[in-house]
Structure formats: structure tokens, C-alpha cells
Protein backbone atom coordinates (compact mmCIF):
# COMPACT_ATOMS: atom_id res chain seq x y z
CA MET A 1 -29.60 14.81 -34.16
CA ALA A 2 -31.48 11.80 -32.89
CA SER A 3 -28.91 9.44 -34.37
CA SER A 4 -26.09 11.43 -32.69
CA ALA A 5 -27.80 11.22 -29.29
CA SER A 6 -28.38 7.51 -29.80
CA ALA A 7 -24.71 6.98 -30.59
CA SER A 8 -23.63 8.92 -27.52
CA ALA A 9 -26.00 6.95 -25.31
CA SER A 10 -24.73 3.69 -26.75
CA ALA A 11 -21.13 4.71 -26.12
CA ALA A 12 -21.90 5.74 -22.56
CA ARG A 13 -23.77 2.50 -21.94
CA ALA A 14 -20.74 0.52 -23.05
CA ASP A 15 -18.71 2.23 -20.33
CA GLY A 16 -20.87 0.67 -17.61
CA PRO A 17 -19.59 -1.48 -14.75
CA SER A 18 -19.88 -4.80 -16.57
CA ALA A 19 -21.22 -6.38 -19.71
CA PRO A 20 -24.53 -8.27 -19.56
CA ARG A 21 -24.13 -11.87 -18.56
CA GLY A 22 -25.40 -14.82 -20.50
CA HIS A 23 -25.89 -13.97 -24.18
CA PRO A 24 -23.52 -11.54 -25.94
CA PRO A 25 -24.68 -7.91 -25.92
CA PRO A 26 -26.46 -6.59 -28.99
CA PRO A 27 -24.30 -4.87 -31.64
CA SER A 28 -25.90 -1.49 -30.88
CA ALA A 29 -24.28 -1.50 -27.42
CA THR A 30 -20.84 -2.72 -28.48
CA GLY A 31 -20.09 -1.40 -31.93
CA GLY A 32 -20.78 -4.60 -33.86
CA ALA A 33 -18.21 -7.26 -34.54
CA ASP A 34 -15.33 -5.01 -33.47
CA ALA A 35 -15.63 -5.97 -29.81
CA PRO A 36 -14.12 -3.72 -27.12
CA ARG A 37 -10.80 -4.94 -25.83
CA THR A 38 -10.22 -5.26 -22.12
CA ARG A 39 -6.42 -5.40 -21.93
CA SER A 40 -4.13 -2.40 -22.04
CA THR A 41 -0.45 -1.72 -22.53
CA ASP A 42 1.80 0.80 -20.83
CA GLY A 43 1.62 3.07 -23.88
CA ASP A 44 -2.17 3.25 -23.88
CA VAL A 45 -2.40 5.67 -20.96
CA LEU A 46 -0.69 9.02 -20.54
CA ARG A 47 0.00 9.31 -16.83
CA GLY A 48 -0.21 12.91 -15.71
CA THR A 49 1.14 14.91 -12.82
CA THR A 50 -0.51 16.37 -9.75
CA ALA A 51 -0.97 19.61 -11.70
CA ASN A 52 -3.31 18.07 -14.29
CA ARG A 53 -4.77 15.07 -12.47
CA ALA A 54 -7.17 14.72 -9.54
CA TRP A 55 -9.26 12.14 -7.71
CA PRO A 56 -12.91 12.33 -8.84
CA VAL A 57 -14.08 12.31 -5.22
CA PRO A 58 -12.12 13.16 -2.07
CA GLY A 59 -11.34 10.76 0.72
CA GLY A 60 -11.55 11.34 4.43
CA ARG A 61 -9.18 13.90 5.98
CA GLY A 62 -7.57 14.75 2.66
CA VAL A 63 -6.33 11.27 1.75
CA ARG A 64 -7.26 9.17 -1.26
CA PRO A 65 -10.82 7.83 -1.43
CA VAL A 66 -11.58 4.23 -0.55
CA ILE A 67 -11.62 1.91 -3.56
CA THR A 68 -14.50 -0.45 -2.87
CA ARG A 69 -13.95 -2.45 -6.06
CA PRO A 70 -10.91 -2.30 -8.37
CA TRP A 71 -10.66 -2.60 -12.12
CA LEU A 72 -11.06 -6.27 -13.11
CA PRO A 73 -10.86 -6.78 -16.88
CA PRO A 74 -12.65 -9.94 -18.04
CA PRO A 75 -10.63 -12.65 -19.83
CA THR A 76 -12.82 -12.28 -22.93
CA PRO A 77 -14.71 -9.25 -24.29
CA TRP A 78 -18.17 -10.51 -23.32
CA ALA A 79 -17.28 -12.20 -20.02
CA ALA A 80 -18.31 -10.74 -16.70
CA GLY A 81 -15.88 -8.24 -15.26
CA HIS A 82 -15.54 -4.78 -13.81
CA ARG A 83 -14.61 -2.20 -16.42
CA GLY A 84 -13.71 0.61 -14.03
CA VAL A 85 -13.18 1.32 -10.34
CA ASP A 86 -15.70 2.10 -7.61
CA LEU A 87 -14.89 4.91 -5.18
CA ALA A 88 -16.75 5.23 -1.89
CA ALA A 89 -18.65 8.51 -1.68
CA ARG A 90 -21.78 9.87 -0.07
CA PRO A 91 -24.83 10.88 -2.13
CA GLY A 92 -24.61 14.53 -3.06
CA ALA A 93 -20.80 14.52 -3.05
CA THR A 94 -19.10 16.75 -5.59
CA VAL A 95 -17.59 14.84 -8.52
CA ARG A 96 -14.53 16.43 -10.10
CA ALA A 97 -12.82 15.90 -13.45
CA ALA A 98 -9.87 13.52 -13.11
CA ALA A 99 -8.09 15.21 -16.03
CA PRO A 100 -8.64 18.19 -18.35
CA GLY A 101 -10.76 17.69 -21.44
CA ARG A 102 -14.02 18.33 -23.27
CA VAL A 103 -17.42 17.04 -22.18
CA SER A 104 -18.58 14.53 -24.80
CA PHE A 105 -21.78 13.34 -23.10
CA ALA A 106 -23.88 14.60 -20.20
CA GLY A 107 -27.23 12.92 -19.73
CA LYS A 108 -29.01 9.72 -18.76
CA VAL A 109 -28.58 6.15 -19.95
CA ALA A 110 -31.16 3.60 -18.81
CA GLY A 111 -32.32 5.99 -16.08
CA ARG A 112 -28.82 6.54 -14.72
CA GLY A 113 -26.96 9.84 -14.99
CA VAL A 114 -23.71 9.51 -16.95
CA LEU A 115 -20.96 12.01 -17.71
CA SER A 116 -18.19 11.38 -20.29
CA ILE A 117 -15.15 13.60 -20.85
CA GLU A 118 -12.64 13.28 -23.71
CA LEU A 119 -9.20 14.03 -22.30
CA SER A 120 -7.08 16.68 -23.99
CA GLY A 121 -3.79 15.77 -25.64
CA THR A 122 -4.25 12.00 -25.42
CA GLY A 123 -4.11 11.15 -29.13
CA ARG A 124 -6.65 9.62 -31.49
CA PRO A 125 -8.95 8.19 -30.46
CA PRO A 126 -8.70 10.21 -27.26
CA LEU A 127 -8.95 8.79 -23.79
CA ARG A 128 -12.43 9.16 -22.33
CA THR A 129 -13.39 9.09 -18.67
CA THR A 130 -16.92 8.30 -17.48
CA TYR A 131 -18.65 8.93 -14.17
CA GLU A 132 -21.93 7.42 -12.93
CA PRO A 133 -24.49 7.65 -11.39
CA VAL A 134 -24.22 11.43 -11.40
CA ARG A 135 -26.16 14.59 -12.12
CA PRO A 136 -23.91 16.52 -14.52
CA THR A 137 -23.36 20.20 -13.77
CA VAL A 138 -21.56 20.84 -17.08
CA ARG A 139 -22.81 20.68 -20.66
CA LYS A 140 -21.68 18.79 -23.74
CA GLY A 141 -18.85 20.59 -25.53
CA GLU A 142 -17.71 22.44 -22.40
CA HIS A 143 -13.99 22.35 -21.59
CA VAL A 144 -13.06 21.46 -18.03
CA LYS A 145 -9.88 21.44 -15.96
CA ALA A 146 -8.55 18.73 -13.67
CA GLY A 147 -10.20 19.00 -10.27
CA GLN A 148 -13.06 21.13 -11.56
CA PRO A 149 -16.51 20.19 -10.22
CA VAL A 150 -18.44 18.55 -13.06
CA ALA A 151 -21.24 16.59 -11.39
CA VAL A 152 -22.97 15.55 -8.17
CA LEU A 153 -23.26 11.93 -7.07
CA GLN A 154 -26.85 10.76 -7.28
CA PRO A 155 -28.56 8.71 -4.53
CA GLY A 156 -28.56 5.66 -6.79
CA PRO A 157 -29.08 3.28 -8.37
CA TYR A 158 -25.71 1.81 -7.39
CA HIS A 159 -24.20 -1.53 -8.29
CA CYS A 160 -22.16 -1.35 -5.05
CA ASP A 161 -23.26 -2.49 -1.60
CA SER A 162 -22.94 1.12 -0.41
CA PRO A 163 -23.00 4.50 -2.20
CA CYS A 164 -20.15 4.77 -4.68
CA LEU A 165 -18.99 6.50 -7.84
CA HIS A 166 -18.21 4.26 -10.80
CA TRP A 167 -15.22 5.73 -12.66
CA GLY A 168 -14.35 4.34 -16.08
CA LEU A 169 -11.69 4.92 -18.73
CA ARG A 170 -11.63 3.97 -22.42
CA ARG A 171 -9.64 4.57 -25.56
CA GLY A 172 -11.99 3.87 -28.41
CA ARG A 173 -13.42 0.44 -27.61
CA THR A 174 -10.54 -0.55 -25.32
CA TYR A 175 -11.25 -0.53 -21.60
CA LEU A 176 -8.42 0.71 -19.37
CA ASP A 177 -7.70 1.06 -15.67
CA PRO A 178 -8.68 4.60 -14.56
CA LEU A 179 -6.04 4.53 -11.82
CA SER A 180 -3.38 4.50 -14.55
CA LEU A 181 -4.19 8.17 -15.11
CA LEU A 182 -2.95 9.18 -11.68
CA PRO A 183 0.69 9.82 -10.71
CA PRO A 184 2.21 7.93 -7.75
CA SER A 185 1.86 10.95 -5.46
CA LEU A 186 -1.93 10.82 -5.84
CA LEU A 187 -2.10 7.03 -5.61
CA ALA A 188 -0.38 7.13 -2.23
CA ASN A 189 -2.43 7.49 0.94
CA ALA A 190 -1.38 11.11 1.36
CA PRO A 191 0.92 13.65 -0.30
CA PRO A 192 4.58 13.16 0.61
CA ARG A 193 5.69 15.29 3.53
CA LEU A 194 9.06 15.96 5.14
CA LEU A 195 9.18 14.91 8.76
CA PRO A 196 10.70 17.36 11.28
CA VAL A 197 14.24 16.60 12.38
CA PHE A 198 14.70 16.34 16.14
CA PRO A 199 18.16 16.32 17.83
CA ILE A 200 19.30 13.06 19.35
CA PRO A 201 19.09 13.43 23.15
CA GLU A 202 22.38 13.16 24.99
CA PRO A 203 22.65 10.71 27.91
CA PRO A 204 22.48 12.37 31.37
CA PRO A 205 25.88 13.11 32.96
CA HIS A 206 27.09 10.70 35.64
CA GLU A 207 29.09 11.59 38.73
CA ALA A 208 32.63 10.32 39.03
CA GLY A 209 32.70 6.74 40.30
CA ALA A 210 28.96 6.28 39.89
CA THR A 211 29.38 3.56 37.30
CA ASN A 212 31.95 1.69 39.39
CA ALA A 213 29.62 1.86 42.37
CA ARG A 214 26.85 0.11 40.41
CA LEU A 215 28.81 -2.39 38.32
CA PRO A 216 31.56 -4.76 39.54
CA ASN A 217 34.98 -4.46 37.92
CA LEU A 218 35.40 -7.72 36.05
CA SER A 219 38.42 -6.83 33.93
CA PRO A 220 41.40 -9.28 33.87
CA THR A 221 43.73 -6.56 35.13
CA ALA A 222 41.63 -5.98 38.20
CA THR A 223 41.54 -9.72 38.92
CA SER A 224 45.28 -10.21 38.56
CA THR A 225 46.14 -7.26 40.80
CA ALA A 226 43.85 -8.25 43.68
CA PRO A 227 45.61 -8.03 47.08
CA ASP A 228 47.15 -11.27 48.48
CA THR A 229 45.18 -12.58 51.44
CA GLY A 230 48.00 -14.91 52.72
CA LEU A 231 45.88 -18.10 52.64
CA ALA A 232 47.86 -19.80 49.88
CA PRO A 233 51.06 -20.48 51.98
CA VAL A 234 49.01 -21.92 54.85
CA ALA A 235 47.22 -24.34 52.56
CA THR A 236 50.52 -25.45 51.03
CA SER A 237 52.06 -26.14 54.47
CA LEU A 238 49.08 -28.23 55.54
CA ALA A 239 49.28 -30.29 52.37
CA LEU A 240 53.00 -31.01 52.85
CA ALA A 241 52.48 -32.03 56.51
CA ALA A 242 49.71 -34.44 55.57
CA THR A 243 51.89 -36.02 52.86
CA ALA A 244 54.81 -36.50 55.26
CA ALA A 245 52.59 -38.13 57.88
CA TRP A 246 51.15 -40.53 55.31
CA SER A 247 54.66 -41.48 54.13
CA ARG A 248 55.85 -42.24 57.67
CA THR A 249 52.82 -44.40 58.34
CA ARG A 250 53.38 -46.41 55.16
CA LEU A 251 57.11 -46.96 55.86
CA HIS A 252 56.34 -48.10 59.40
CA GLY A 253 53.87 -50.63 58.10
CA ARG A 254 56.40 -52.10 55.63
CA GLY A 255 59.07 -52.47 58.37
CA SER A 256 56.75 -54.43 60.65
CA ALA A 257 55.83 -56.83 57.86
CA SER A 258 59.52 -57.54 57.09
CA ARG A 259 60.33 -58.42 60.70
CA GLU A 260 57.41 -60.82 60.91
CA ARG A 261 58.64 -62.75 57.80
CA GLY A 262 62.18 -63.00 59.23
CA THR A 263 61.15 -64.66 62.49
């Protein structure tokens, strides 16, 4: 019994936010030489639907909760990283199961409340979600549904700058992104909604001639059919008279010059 509790505590401890820095962790916390992997493939996670998935904590006004720190897998198994996501929540907030499954651990690890749930129908080894720091309200071996209250967020200790829930996901010793459990409809800011359809307003009716009264008629037809003012013939007559006078003056000048040369 003691060895079983020790194994569960070691498994829960390995689900923590990050691995210890500096020297590699002791084998008791990691499972020996078979180090936990930190990369995942598309086939590792079974993405559910809105019917069997839920956010562990709610956000404001019914939208998704604020992610204060995302999943950041380290480049190597023992390097620093963030093996889960942090969701903003107030102390005392209700923590709900992200997916249906069986409670595999409900207790404390290093003074911090931890809850682990093995997800149903996710193969062998099964996917396992973890929540901390929490006060579990369910017991080991109990089956839970998605969205069912399973714990209460404790007032610390947190590894965040403000109160948050650390949510982790593993398959065996492989760390995965918990957000990969959720369908797109839950990852969006709010559930999709159909917007109401409003009719396109018609332009207000205009009185006859109102447009012509405001705008000048600049069409070519209107320009070509403008009434004749009679100024064109007058201008032509003046031009011809000026040309004739200039011609007479020039001829008179040439005749005078010829007479002077003949004398």
C-alpha cells in the first residue's frame, strides 16, 4: 500500500510545471533511465467534442479562461520548460474535469494538492490530466464526466505571478499540450453564434428634378445642344475687318517705297 502511494506521488510530481534545474532529477521522480519525452505527434491526443470536453475553469462572461502561460516543451527531457498550461482563476474557484475518466490520484505532493484523472477510451497507456494546486472533491477510483466539479483551487502556493490553475497532460512518460484535448469551438473566444440578418435600408425617395437642381448637367449631349448666343458671327466679322485693314496698310507702304526708288 505504501509503495503504491509512493508511486502515485512520484507520478503526480513528474506532472509538475517544470523539471528541477541544474542537476538531472533523481530516478524516483522520473522513472529511471526511460526519461519522459516532451514532444508529441498528432496521433498522441484524441481531440474530443464539446459534448465530452470542457475548460477546467471558466473565463469571464462565459468565454475561455485567460492562459497566463502556454505549454512550452523543453528541447531536452531535463531542460527547463513548462509541461502544461496555466489558466487564470481566483482562489476557491471550482475546477472541472476537462474530459471523462477515472480518478487515479487525489492527494498532496510536496505540500501541494494534486488531482490526476485517467481519460476514458484513450488507449494504453491512457491519457492523464493533472490539476494543481487544488483541494480534490473526488476520490481515487471515482469516475467523472467532462465538466463535472472535481476540485477547488487552493490559495497557493502558485508558480504564477497571480493565482492560476496548472493543467497538465501526459501519456505514460510523454508530456503533451493539454489544449490539444479541446475542439476548436472551445478554443475560440466564445461559442459560434449566428448573427441576426437585418434588411438593407433603401435610399430615401427624391422629388422629380431634385437631383438636377443640385448637380450640374455635364453630359456631352447637354453641352452640344446648348442654345446659340449669337456671339460667334460678331467675332468672325471683327477678325475679317482687322485683317483687311492690315492688308491695305501694308500695300500702301509698299507703293510709297516703289515711287521713292523711281525718282
